[in-house]
Amino acid sequence: MLVLADGAQAAFAAGAVAELARAGVAWRRGAGAGLGAHAALLAVLGEAAESERRWRRQAELSCPLLRSRLAAARERLGETPGITASVDAWNFAGWLDDASLAEHLAPELAAVPERLTRAGAGLAVAVEDLGEGRSRWVDLTEVGAAEAGVLLRAAAAFPGGWPPVDVPGGRFAGPLWGGVGVGLGRAPWAGDALEWDVVCGFPVPVVARPALGGSLLELMQRRVEGAAAAGVSNWLEARGGRSVRLIAPTEAAWRAASGRAGAELGVEYPLPWERNGELTAVALACGAAAAKIVSIPGS
C-alpha cells in the first residue's frame, strides 16, 4: 500500500483505506507521504478503522487538527487586555499548530518499529533533509523507537502547513520536512510486492480549480497538488509489471459523498490546510465512495 495525502486530504485517505479494509483487503508492506503516512501505518497494523474514527471526530469538532498557530496562541492568551497576537512572516516556520498534530499522532509515536515487527509489517515514510537538500524513503523498522516517532511527525509536515522538525542523533544534516511532494523523486516499489493499492488524497490526474484564490498557501498547495498528481501518473506508467490499483478523488465519488448531483470536485474539494468540519466529513465519505467504485463489484 502507498498512501499520499497532506493535511485535510488525509481524511479522504482514511475513508478509502477503511473501506478497503472492510472489504477484506489487508496489507503487510506500506509506504506513506504527508499525513497519509499515518493512515498507511494504521492500515498495515490492521487498524484502518481507527484512522477513519479519528477523522470522523475531527469533522465533528470542526477539525481542530488544522488549527493555525496564531489561533492556538490567541486561545492560550485568552482575553488579555493590551495584547494582540500577530504573525512575523520572517520567523514563522509553519502555519498550523504543532501541538495539535502531536496530539493526533500521539498513540502511534511510541514503539512504532516494535509494533510493525510484531505485526509482520513494514512501512517507509518520505522525508526531506533540508540541510542536505535531499529526499528519501526511510523504513521505520530500521530505526529506533524515538526516531521513528519523529520521522512520522516529520513526514506529515507539508510546506506551508506544520513546521519541519529536528531529529536527534546526527544522522540527518538539518531539520526534516515532509508532504506529498517529497516522495516524488523515486517510487517506493520494493522487493517482491507485485500488487499495490495507491491511495491519493488529491485527484489523479489533476483537476482544474477555477475558484482558486490568490493566497500564498493556496498557491503553494496547488503547485504541490499538481506536481504530485503528475508524479503518480508517471509511477503508474513505469510500474514495472506490478499491478497497481489507484484510489483517488473523482467527480463521481465526490457527488456520491456530497449527495448533490451538481457538486464540483475542482471547486469544493479541500486544499490541505483548510479547516472545515463539513468539508472534512465529505472528504472522508468521498474516500469510502471512491474505494467502493474502484474495488467492490456491483457498487
C-alpha atoms as a PDB file:
ATOM      1  CA  MET A   1       0.000   0.000   0.000  1.00  0.00           C
ATOM      2  CA  LEU A   2       1.097   3.544  -0.776  1.00  0.00           C
ATOM      3  CA  VAL A   3      -0.797   6.494   0.767  1.00  0.00           C
ATOM      4  CA  LEU A   4      -0.128  10.087  -0.294  1.00  0.00           C
ATOM      5  CA  ALA A   5      -2.094  12.863   1.399  1.00  0.00           C
ATOM      6  CA  ASP A   6      -1.422  16.226   3.041  1.00  0.00           C
ATOM      7  CA  GLY A   7      -3.463  17.836   5.806  1.00  0.00           C
ATOM      8  CA  ALA A   8      -7.233  17.723   5.319  1.00  0.00           C
ATOM      9  CA  GLN A   9      -6.881  15.474   2.284  1.00  0.00           C
ATOM     10  CA  ALA A  10      -5.769  12.700   4.645  1.00  0.00           C
ATOM     11  CA  ALA A  11      -9.464  12.415   5.579  1.00  0.00           C
ATOM     12  CA  PHE A  12     -10.092  11.059   2.070  1.00  0.00           C
ATOM     13  CA  ALA A  13      -7.240   8.568   2.506  1.00  0.00           C
ATOM     14  CA  ALA A  14      -8.575   7.408   5.873  1.00  0.00           C
ATOM     15  CA  GLY A  15     -12.035   6.791   4.414  1.00  0.00           C
ATOM     16  CA  ALA A  16     -10.651   4.917   1.415  1.00  0.00           C
ATOM     17  CA  VAL A  17      -8.305   2.691   3.425  1.00  0.00           C
ATOM     18  CA  ALA A  18     -11.011   1.856   5.974  1.00  0.00           C
ATOM     19  CA  GLU A  19     -13.444   0.921   3.196  1.00  0.00           C
ATOM     20  CA  LEU A  20     -10.878  -1.353   1.565  1.00  0.00           C
ATOM     21  CA  ALA A  21     -10.217  -2.999   4.925  1.00  0.00           C
ATOM     22  CA  ARG A  22     -13.955  -3.569   5.433  1.00  0.00           C
ATOM     23  CA  ALA A  23     -13.980  -5.294   2.039  1.00  0.00           C
ATOM     24  CA  GLY A  24     -11.377  -7.745   3.343  1.00  0.00           C
ATOM     25  CA  VAL A  25      -8.191  -6.193   1.961  1.00  0.00           C
ATOM     26  CA  ALA A  26      -5.101  -6.457   4.193  1.00  0.00           C
ATOM     27  CA  TRP A  27      -1.575  -5.124   3.728  1.00  0.00           C
ATOM     28  CA  ARG A  28       1.783  -6.103   5.152  1.00  0.00           C
ATOM     29  CA  ARG A  29       4.031  -3.617   3.367  1.00  0.00           C
ATOM     30  CA  GLY A  30       3.325   0.072   3.115  1.00  0.00           C
ATOM     31  CA  ALA A  31       4.699   3.499   2.300  1.00  0.00           C
ATOM     32  CA  GLY A  32       3.327   6.932   3.011  1.00  0.00           C
ATOM     33  CA  ALA A  33       3.990  10.608   2.352  1.00  0.00           C
ATOM     34  CA  GLY A  34       2.402  13.520   4.176  1.00  0.00           C
ATOM     35  CA  LEU A  35      -0.197  12.851   6.856  1.00  0.00           C
ATOM     36  CA  GLY A  36      -1.202   9.914   4.665  1.00  0.00           C
ATOM     37  CA  ALA A  37       1.782   8.094   6.212  1.00  0.00           C
ATOM     38  CA  HIS A  38      -0.245   7.856   9.432  1.00  0.00           C
ATOM     39  CA  ALA A  39      -3.173   6.221   7.615  1.00  0.00           C
ATOM     40  CA  ALA A  40      -0.716   3.809   5.979  1.00  0.00           C
ATOM     41  CA  LEU A  41       0.794   2.915   9.353  1.00  0.00           C
ATOM     42  CA  LEU A  42      -2.574   2.128  10.910  1.00  0.00           C
ATOM     43  CA  ALA A  43      -3.550   0.139   7.815  1.00  0.00           C
ATOM     44  CA  VAL A  44      -0.533  -2.182   7.894  1.00  0.00           C
ATOM     45  CA  LEU A  45      -1.077  -2.617  11.649  1.00  0.00           C
ATOM     46  CA  GLY A  46      -4.628  -3.802  10.900  1.00  0.00           C
ATOM     47  CA  GLU A  47      -6.182  -0.690  12.462  1.00  0.00           C
ATOM     48  CA  ALA A  48      -7.559   1.172   9.445  1.00  0.00           C
ATOM     49  CA  ALA A  49     -10.867   1.810  11.210  1.00  0.00           C
ATOM     50  CA  GLU A  50      -9.034   3.826  13.868  1.00  0.00           C
ATOM     51  CA  SER A  51      -7.771   6.316  11.297  1.00  0.00           C
ATOM     52  CA  GLU A  52     -11.317   6.738   9.977  1.00  0.00           C
ATOM     53  CA  ARG A  53     -12.643   7.167  13.526  1.00  0.00           C
ATOM     54  CA  ARG A  54     -10.181   9.954  14.296  1.00  0.00           C
ATOM     55  CA  TRP A  55     -11.047  11.859  11.133  1.00  0.00           C
ATOM     56  CA  ARG A  56     -14.757  11.483  11.830  1.00  0.00           C
ATOM     57  CA  ARG A  57     -14.080  13.017  15.232  1.00  0.00           C
ATOM     58  CA  GLN A  58     -12.122  15.819  13.556  1.00  0.00           C
ATOM     59  CA  ALA A  59     -15.154  16.535  11.362  1.00  0.00           C
ATOM     60  CA  GLU A  60     -17.449  16.664  14.393  1.00  0.00           C
ATOM     61  CA  LEU A  61     -15.150  19.173  16.136  1.00  0.00           C
ATOM     62  CA  SER A  62     -14.581  21.422  13.064  1.00  0.00           C
ATOM     63  CA  CYS A  63     -11.106  19.978  12.509  1.00  0.00           C
ATOM     64  CA  PRO A  64      -9.014  21.210  15.471  1.00  0.00           C
ATOM     65  CA  LEU A  65      -6.039  19.344  13.964  1.00  0.00           C
ATOM     66  CA  LEU A  66      -5.768  22.099  11.347  1.00  0.00           C
ATOM     67  CA  ARG A  67      -5.930  24.966  13.833  1.00  0.00           C
ATOM     68  CA  SER A  68      -3.452  27.704  12.976  1.00  0.00           C
ATOM     69  CA  ARG A  69      -0.547  28.527  15.270  1.00  0.00           C
ATOM     70  CA  LEU A  70      -1.926  32.051  15.549  1.00  0.00           C
ATOM     71  CA  ALA A  71      -5.347  30.778  16.659  1.00  0.00           C
ATOM     72  CA  ALA A  72      -3.695  28.489  19.207  1.00  0.00           C
ATOM     73  CA  ALA A  73      -1.654  31.389  20.608  1.00  0.00           C
ATOM     74  CA  ARG A  74      -4.778  33.548  20.893  1.00  0.00           C
ATOM     75  CA  GLU A  75      -6.589  30.742  22.712  1.00  0.00           C
ATOM     76  CA  ARG A  76      -3.732  30.461  25.224  1.00  0.00           C
ATOM     77  CA  LEU A  77      -3.667  34.230  25.764  1.00  0.00           C
ATOM     78  CA  GLY A  78      -7.436  34.447  26.207  1.00  0.00           C
ATOM     79  CA  GLU A  79      -8.989  37.846  26.732  1.00  0.00           C
ATOM     80  CA  THR A  80      -5.797  39.618  27.781  1.00  0.00           C
ATOM     81  CA  PRO A  81      -6.158  43.409  27.649  1.00  0.00           C
ATOM     82  CA  GLY A  82      -3.458  45.231  25.736  1.00  0.00           C
ATOM     83  CA  ILE A  83      -2.049  42.159  23.941  1.00  0.00           C
ATOM     84  CA  THR A  84      -2.531  41.494  20.233  1.00  0.00           C
ATOM     85  CA  ALA A  85      -1.120  38.325  18.634  1.00  0.00           C
ATOM     86  CA  SER A  86       0.167  38.684  15.082  1.00  0.00           C
ATOM     87  CA  VAL A  87       2.373  36.806  12.617  1.00  0.00           C
ATOM     88  CA  ASP A  88       6.032  37.591  11.986  1.00  0.00           C
ATOM     89  CA  ALA A  89       6.384  36.194   8.488  1.00  0.00           C
ATOM     90  CA  TRP A  90      10.201  36.052   8.701  1.00  0.00           C
ATOM     91  CA  ASN A  91      10.143  33.781  11.752  1.00  0.00           C
ATOM     92  CA  PHE A  92       7.024  31.711  11.020  1.00  0.00           C
ATOM     93  CA  ALA A  93       8.102  28.154  10.221  1.00  0.00           C
ATOM     94  CA  GLY A  94       4.608  26.780   9.607  1.00  0.00           C
ATOM     95  CA  TRP A  95       1.005  27.940   9.570  1.00  0.00           C
ATOM     96  CA  LEU A  96      -0.553  25.079  11.542  1.00  0.00           C
ATOM     97  CA  ASP A  97      -0.316  24.352  15.270  1.00  0.00           C
ATOM     98  CA  ASP A  98       2.349  21.786  16.124  1.00  0.00           C
ATOM     99  CA  ALA A  99       0.691  20.654  19.360  1.00  0.00           C
ATOM    100  CA  SER A 100      -2.497  19.661  17.515  1.00  0.00           C
ATOM    101  CA  LEU A 101      -0.527  17.369  15.185  1.00  0.00           C
ATOM    102  CA  ALA A 102       1.364  15.811  18.101  1.00  0.00           C
ATOM    103  CA  GLU A 103      -1.926  15.062  19.836  1.00  0.00           C
ATOM    104  CA  HIS A 104      -3.374  13.457  16.683  1.00  0.00           C
ATOM    105  CA  LEU A 105      -0.327  11.205  16.247  1.00  0.00           C
ATOM    106  CA  ALA A 106       0.361  10.576  19.948  1.00  0.00           C
ATOM    107  CA  PRO A 107      -0.940   6.969  20.202  1.00  0.00           C
ATOM    108  CA  GLU A 108       1.437   5.906  17.398  1.00  0.00           C
ATOM    109  CA  LEU A 109       4.526   7.957  18.275  1.00  0.00           C
ATOM    110  CA  ALA A 110       5.913   5.350  20.681  1.00  0.00           C
ATOM    111  CA  ALA A 111       7.143   1.833  19.838  1.00  0.00           C
ATOM    112  CA  VAL A 112       6.406   2.118  16.098  1.00  0.00           C
ATOM    113  CA  PRO A 113       9.194  -0.283  14.983  1.00  0.00           C
ATOM    114  CA  GLU A 114       8.242  -2.854  17.612  1.00  0.00           C
ATOM    115  CA  ARG A 115       4.561  -2.751  16.664  1.00  0.00           C
ATOM    116  CA  LEU A 116       5.377  -3.137  12.976  1.00  0.00           C
ATOM    117  CA  THR A 117       7.688  -6.079  13.645  1.00  0.00           C
ATOM    118  CA  ARG A 118       5.106  -7.734  15.880  1.00  0.00           C
ATOM    119  CA  ALA A 119       2.512  -7.397  13.103  1.00  0.00           C
ATOM    120  CA  GLY A 120       4.927  -8.752  10.489  1.00  0.00           C
ATOM    121  CA  ALA A 121       4.582  -5.473   8.595  1.00  0.00           C
ATOM    122  CA  GLY A 122       6.841  -2.771   7.181  1.00  0.00           C
ATOM    123  CA  LEU A 123       6.380   0.925   6.484  1.00  0.00           C
ATOM    124  CA  ALA A 124       8.549   3.544   4.759  1.00  0.00           C
ATOM    125  CA  VAL A 125       7.892   7.276   5.025  1.00  0.00           C
ATOM    126  CA  ALA A 126       9.082  10.096   2.767  1.00  0.00           C
ATOM    127  CA  VAL A 127      11.084  12.937   4.318  1.00  0.00           C
ATOM    128  CA  GLU A 128      13.321  15.716   3.027  1.00  0.00           C
ATOM    129  CA  ASP A 129      16.565  16.637   4.796  1.00  0.00           C
ATOM    130  CA  LEU A 130      16.640  20.427   4.431  1.00  0.00           C
ATOM    131  CA  GLY A 131      20.339  20.528   5.387  1.00  0.00           C
ATOM    132  CA  GLU A 132      21.329  18.216   2.537  1.00  0.00           C
ATOM    133  CA  GLY A 133      18.549  19.214   0.162  1.00  0.00           C
ATOM    134  CA  ARG A 134      17.799  15.529  -0.370  1.00  0.00           C
ATOM    135  CA  SER A 135      14.632  13.452  -0.113  1.00  0.00           C
ATOM    136  CA  ARG A 136      14.483   9.796   0.872  1.00  0.00           C
ATOM    137  CA  TRP A 137      12.203   6.958   1.905  1.00  0.00           C
ATOM    138  CA  VAL A 138      13.055   5.734   5.420  1.00  0.00           C
ATOM    139  CA  ASP A 139      11.964   2.284   6.654  1.00  0.00           C
ATOM    140  CA  LEU A 140      10.598   2.729  10.179  1.00  0.00           C
ATOM    141  CA  THR A 141      11.528  -0.841  11.129  1.00  0.00           C
ATOM    142  CA  GLU A 142      15.205   0.041  10.693  1.00  0.00           C
ATOM    143  CA  VAL A 143      15.383   2.953  13.175  1.00  0.00           C
ATOM    144  CA  GLY A 144      14.958   3.318  16.914  1.00  0.00           C
ATOM    145  CA  ALA A 145      11.588   3.881  18.550  1.00  0.00           C
ATOM    146  CA  ALA A 146      12.189   7.553  19.384  1.00  0.00           C
ATOM    147  CA  GLU A 147      13.491   8.351  15.892  1.00  0.00           C
ATOM    148  CA  ALA A 148      10.588   6.531  14.217  1.00  0.00           C
ATOM    149  CA  GLY A 149       8.085   8.746  16.040  1.00  0.00           C
ATOM    150  CA  VAL A 150       9.903  11.894  14.958  1.00  0.00           C
ATOM    151  CA  LEU A 151      10.080  10.654  11.367  1.00  0.00           C
ATOM    152  CA  LEU A 152       6.327  10.013  11.312  1.00  0.00           C
ATOM    153  CA  ARG A 153       5.776  13.545  12.601  1.00  0.00           C
ATOM    154  CA  ALA A 154       8.230  14.965  10.038  1.00  0.00           C
ATOM    155  CA  ALA A 155       6.574  13.097   7.149  1.00  0.00           C
ATOM    156  CA  ALA A 156       3.267  14.817   7.974  1.00  0.00           C
ATOM    157  CA  ALA A 157       4.784  18.324   7.910  1.00  0.00           C
ATOM    158  CA  PHE A 158       3.959  19.692   4.471  1.00  0.00           C
ATOM    159  CA  PRO A 159       5.410  23.062   3.345  1.00  0.00           C
ATOM    160  CA  GLY A 160       3.188  25.917   4.437  1.00  0.00           C
ATOM    161  CA  GLY A 161       1.488  23.659   6.987  1.00  0.00           C
ATOM    162  CA  TRP A 162       3.335  22.274  10.016  1.00  0.00           C
ATOM    163  CA  PRO A 163       6.955  23.335  10.567  1.00  0.00           C
ATOM    164  CA  PRO A 164       9.905  20.977   9.974  1.00  0.00           C
ATOM    165  CA  VAL A 165      11.411  19.086  12.901  1.00  0.00           C
ATOM    166  CA  ASP A 166      14.921  18.303  14.111  1.00  0.00           C
ATOM    167  CA  VAL A 167      15.847  14.648  14.512  1.00  0.00           C
ATOM    168  CA  PRO A 168      18.354  13.947  17.303  1.00  0.00           C
ATOM    169  CA  GLY A 169      21.328  11.657  16.758  1.00  0.00           C
ATOM    170  CA  GLY A 170      23.163  13.410  13.930  1.00  0.00           C
ATOM    171  CA  ARG A 171      22.022  11.084  11.134  1.00  0.00           C
ATOM    172  CA  PHE A 172      20.421  14.000   9.269  1.00  0.00           C
ATOM    173  CA  ALA A 173      22.201  17.219   8.328  1.00  0.00           C
ATOM    174  CA  GLY A 174      19.253  19.505   9.005  1.00  0.00           C
ATOM    175  CA  PRO A 175      15.609  19.597  10.019  1.00  0.00           C
ATOM    176  CA  LEU A 176      13.197  17.295   8.187  1.00  0.00           C
ATOM    177  CA  TRP A 177      10.135  18.247   6.210  1.00  0.00           C
ATOM    178  CA  GLY A 178       7.557  16.017   4.584  1.00  0.00           C
ATOM    179  CA  GLY A 179       4.435  16.244   2.459  1.00  0.00           C
ATOM    180  CA  VAL A 180       3.347  14.502  -0.718  1.00  0.00           C
ATOM    181  CA  GLY A 181       5.848  16.400  -2.869  1.00  0.00           C
ATOM    182  CA  VAL A 182       8.820  14.916  -1.018  1.00  0.00           C
ATOM    183  CA  GLY A 183       8.429  11.337  -2.216  1.00  0.00           C
ATOM    184  CA  LEU A 184       8.110  12.072  -5.932  1.00  0.00           C
ATOM    185  CA  GLY A 185      11.735  11.502  -6.906  1.00  0.00           C
ATOM    186  CA  ARG A 186      11.584   7.722  -6.662  1.00  0.00           C
ATOM    187  CA  ALA A 187       8.622   5.374  -6.444  1.00  0.00           C
ATOM    188  CA  PRO A 188       8.711   3.283  -3.258  1.00  0.00           C
ATOM    189  CA  TRP A 189       8.113  -0.010  -5.093  1.00  0.00           C
ATOM    190  CA  ALA A 190      10.435  -2.501  -3.453  1.00  0.00           C
ATOM    191  CA  GLY A 191      11.193  -6.185  -3.113  1.00  0.00           C
ATOM    192  CA  ASP A 192       8.781  -8.794  -4.333  1.00  0.00           C
ATOM    193  CA  ALA A 193       5.487  -6.952  -3.651  1.00  0.00           C
ATOM    194  CA  LEU A 194       3.774  -7.069  -7.053  1.00  0.00           C
ATOM    195  CA  GLU A 195       0.278  -5.832  -6.103  1.00  0.00           C
ATOM    196  CA  TRP A 196      -0.137  -2.296  -4.766  1.00  0.00           C
ATOM    197  CA  ASP A 197      -3.018  -0.127  -3.661  1.00  0.00           C
ATOM    198  CA  VAL A 198      -2.160   3.555  -4.230  1.00  0.00           C
ATOM    199  CA  VAL A 199      -4.402   5.917  -2.259  1.00  0.00           C
ATOM    200  CA  CYS A 200      -4.050   9.630  -3.099  1.00  0.00           C
ATOM    201  CA  GLY A 201      -5.766  12.403  -1.182  1.00  0.00           C
ATOM    202  CA  PHE A 202      -5.668  14.553  -4.333  1.00  0.00           C
ATOM    203  CA  PRO A 203      -7.190  13.900  -7.786  1.00  0.00           C
ATOM    204  CA  VAL A 204      -5.088  11.953 -10.314  1.00  0.00           C
ATOM    205  CA  PRO A 205      -4.864  13.298 -12.960  1.00  0.00           C
ATOM    206  CA  VAL A 206      -5.004  16.806 -11.561  1.00  0.00           C
ATOM    207  CA  VAL A 207      -8.343  18.644 -11.879  1.00  0.00           C
ATOM    208  CA  ALA A 208      -8.936  22.269 -12.807  1.00  0.00           C
ATOM    209  CA  ARG A 209      -9.546  24.555  -9.817  1.00  0.00           C
ATOM    210  CA  PRO A 210     -11.373  27.579 -11.285  1.00  0.00           C
ATOM    211  CA  ALA A 211     -12.167  29.007  -7.828  1.00  0.00           C
ATOM    212  CA  LEU A 212      -8.506  29.142  -6.743  1.00  0.00           C
ATOM    213  CA  GLY A 213      -7.700  32.292  -4.787  1.00  0.00           C
ATOM    214  CA  GLY A 214      -4.505  34.306  -4.691  1.00  0.00           C
ATOM    215  CA  SER A 215      -3.300  33.499  -1.166  1.00  0.00           C
ATOM    216  CA  LEU A 216       0.236  32.149  -0.774  1.00  0.00           C
ATOM    217  CA  LEU A 217      -0.986  28.983   0.982  1.00  0.00           C
ATOM    218  CA  GLU A 218      -3.456  28.200  -1.793  1.00  0.00           C
ATOM    219  CA  LEU A 219      -0.870  28.751  -4.498  1.00  0.00           C
ATOM    220  CA  MET A 220       1.733  26.604  -2.735  1.00  0.00           C
ATOM    221  CA  GLN A 221      -0.705  23.764  -2.216  1.00  0.00           C
ATOM    222  CA  ARG A 222      -1.990  23.923  -5.778  1.00  0.00           C
ATOM    223  CA  ARG A 223       1.577  23.682  -7.054  1.00  0.00           C
ATOM    224  CA  VAL A 224       2.309  20.622  -4.891  1.00  0.00           C
ATOM    225  CA  GLU A 225      -1.034  19.013  -5.749  1.00  0.00           C
ATOM    226  CA  GLY A 226      -0.379  19.301  -9.485  1.00  0.00           C
ATOM    227  CA  ALA A 227       3.201  18.038  -9.217  1.00  0.00           C
ATOM    228  CA  ALA A 228       2.122  15.098  -7.051  1.00  0.00           C
ATOM    229  CA  ALA A 229      -0.643  14.118  -9.479  1.00  0.00           C
ATOM    230  CA  ALA A 230       1.842  14.194 -12.369  1.00  0.00           C
ATOM    231  CA  GLY A 231       4.350  12.189 -10.330  1.00  0.00           C
ATOM    232  CA  VAL A 232       1.826   9.469  -9.533  1.00  0.00           C
ATOM    233  CA  SER A 233       0.799   9.284 -13.201  1.00  0.00           C
ATOM    234  CA  ASN A 234       4.459   8.749 -14.121  1.00  0.00           C
ATOM    235  CA  TRP A 235       4.791   5.993 -11.500  1.00  0.00           C
ATOM    236  CA  LEU A 236       1.742   4.212 -12.876  1.00  0.00           C
ATOM    237  CA  GLU A 237       3.176   4.291 -16.392  1.00  0.00           C
ATOM    238  CA  ALA A 238       6.514   2.863 -15.195  1.00  0.00           C
ATOM    239  CA  ARG A 239       5.276   0.339 -12.659  1.00  0.00           C
ATOM    240  CA  GLY A 240       7.485  -2.440 -13.995  1.00  0.00           C
ATOM    241  CA  GLY A 241       4.911  -5.211 -14.319  1.00  0.00           C
ATOM    242  CA  ARG A 242       3.327  -4.548 -10.950  1.00  0.00           C
ATOM    243  CA  SER A 243      -0.448  -4.499 -10.555  1.00  0.00           C
ATOM    244  CA  VAL A 244      -1.460  -1.094  -9.191  1.00  0.00           C
ATOM    245  CA  ARG A 245      -4.959  -0.075  -8.113  1.00  0.00           C
ATOM    246  CA  LEU A 246      -5.430   3.704  -7.804  1.00  0.00           C
ATOM    247  CA  ILE A 247      -7.964   5.201  -5.390  1.00  0.00           C
ATOM    248  CA  ALA A 248      -8.188   8.996  -5.691  1.00  0.00           C
ATOM    249  CA  PRO A 249     -10.960  11.634  -5.582  1.00  0.00           C
ATOM    250  CA  THR A 250     -13.185  11.652  -8.673  1.00  0.00           C
ATOM    251  CA  GLU A 251     -16.246  13.642  -9.699  1.00  0.00           C
ATOM    252  CA  ALA A 252     -18.439  10.526  -9.273  1.00  0.00           C
ATOM    253  CA  ALA A 253     -17.143   9.796  -5.767  1.00  0.00           C
ATOM    254  CA  TRP A 254     -17.407  13.459  -4.702  1.00  0.00           C
ATOM    255  CA  ARG A 255     -21.017  13.692  -5.889  1.00  0.00           C
ATOM    256  CA  ALA A 256     -21.900  10.396  -4.203  1.00  0.00           C
ATOM    257  CA  ALA A 257     -20.383  11.591  -0.914  1.00  0.00           C
ATOM    258  CA  SER A 258     -21.942  15.061  -1.007  1.00  0.00           C
ATOM    259  CA  GLY A 259     -25.365  13.832  -2.091  1.00  0.00           C
ATOM    260  CA  ARG A 260     -25.623  16.556  -4.755  1.00  0.00           C
ATOM    261  CA  ALA A 261     -25.648  15.880  -8.493  1.00  0.00           C
ATOM    262  CA  GLY A 262     -24.145  19.308  -9.129  1.00  0.00           C
ATOM    263  CA  ALA A 263     -21.237  19.002  -6.680  1.00  0.00           C
ATOM    264  CA  GLU A 264     -17.975  20.138  -8.301  1.00  0.00           C
ATOM    265  CA  LEU A 265     -14.745  18.454  -7.263  1.00  0.00           C
ATOM    266  CA  GLY A 266     -12.461  21.199  -8.581  1.00  0.00           C
ATOM    267  CA  VAL A 267     -14.366  23.949  -6.782  1.00  0.00           C
ATOM    268  CA  GLU A 268     -15.271  22.301  -3.480  1.00  0.00           C
ATOM    269  CA  TYR A 269     -12.599  19.730  -2.677  1.00  0.00           C
ATOM    270  CA  PRO A 270     -10.442  20.981   0.229  1.00  0.00           C
ATOM    271  CA  LEU A 271      -6.833  22.015  -0.018  1.00  0.00           C
ATOM    272  CA  PRO A 272      -4.655  20.508   2.738  1.00  0.00           C
ATOM    273  CA  TRP A 273      -4.714  23.385   5.237  1.00  0.00           C
ATOM    274  CA  GLU A 274      -8.458  24.129   5.115  1.00  0.00           C
ATOM    275  CA  ARG A 275     -10.175  23.777   8.490  1.00  0.00           C
ATOM    276  CA  ASN A 276     -13.829  22.968   7.923  1.00  0.00           C
ATOM    277  CA  GLY A 277     -15.766  20.216   9.675  1.00  0.00           C
ATOM    278  CA  GLU A 278     -18.353  19.728   6.938  1.00  0.00           C
ATOM    279  CA  LEU A 279     -15.734  19.515   4.172  1.00  0.00           C
ATOM    280  CA  THR A 280     -13.724  17.067   6.254  1.00  0.00           C
ATOM    281  CA  ALA A 281     -16.761  14.819   6.684  1.00  0.00           C
ATOM    282  CA  VAL A 282     -17.466  14.851   2.936  1.00  0.00           C
ATOM    283  CA  ALA A 283     -13.798  14.136   2.120  1.00  0.00           C
ATOM    284  CA  LEU A 284     -13.921  11.140   4.483  1.00  0.00           C
ATOM    285  CA  ALA A 285     -17.095   9.858   2.809  1.00  0.00           C
ATOM    286  CA  CYS A 286     -15.589  10.548  -0.625  1.00  0.00           C
ATOM    287  CA  GLY A 287     -12.698   8.234   0.194  1.00  0.00           C
ATOM    288  CA  ALA A 288     -15.071   5.410   1.062  1.00  0.00           C
ATOM    289  CA  ALA A 289     -17.118   6.069  -2.090  1.00  0.00           C
ATOM    290  CA  ALA A 290     -14.008   6.067  -4.304  1.00  0.00           C
ATOM    291  CA  ALA A 291     -12.827   2.779  -2.795  1.00  0.00           C
ATOM    292  CA  LYS A 292     -16.224   1.199  -3.496  1.00  0.00           C
ATOM    293  CA  ILE A 293     -16.275   2.432  -7.097  1.00  0.00           C
ATOM    294  CA  VAL A 294     -12.776   1.110  -7.798  1.00  0.00           C
ATOM    295  CA  SER A 295     -12.715  -2.151  -5.909  1.00  0.00           C
ATOM    296  CA  ILE A 296     -16.092  -3.550  -4.920  1.00  0.00           C
ATOM    297  CA  PRO A 297     -18.084  -5.340  -7.643  1.00  0.00           C
ATOM    298  CA  GLY A 298     -21.647  -4.177  -8.124  1.00  0.00           C
ATOM    299  CA  SER A 299     -21.268  -0.894  -6.244  1.00  0.00           C
END
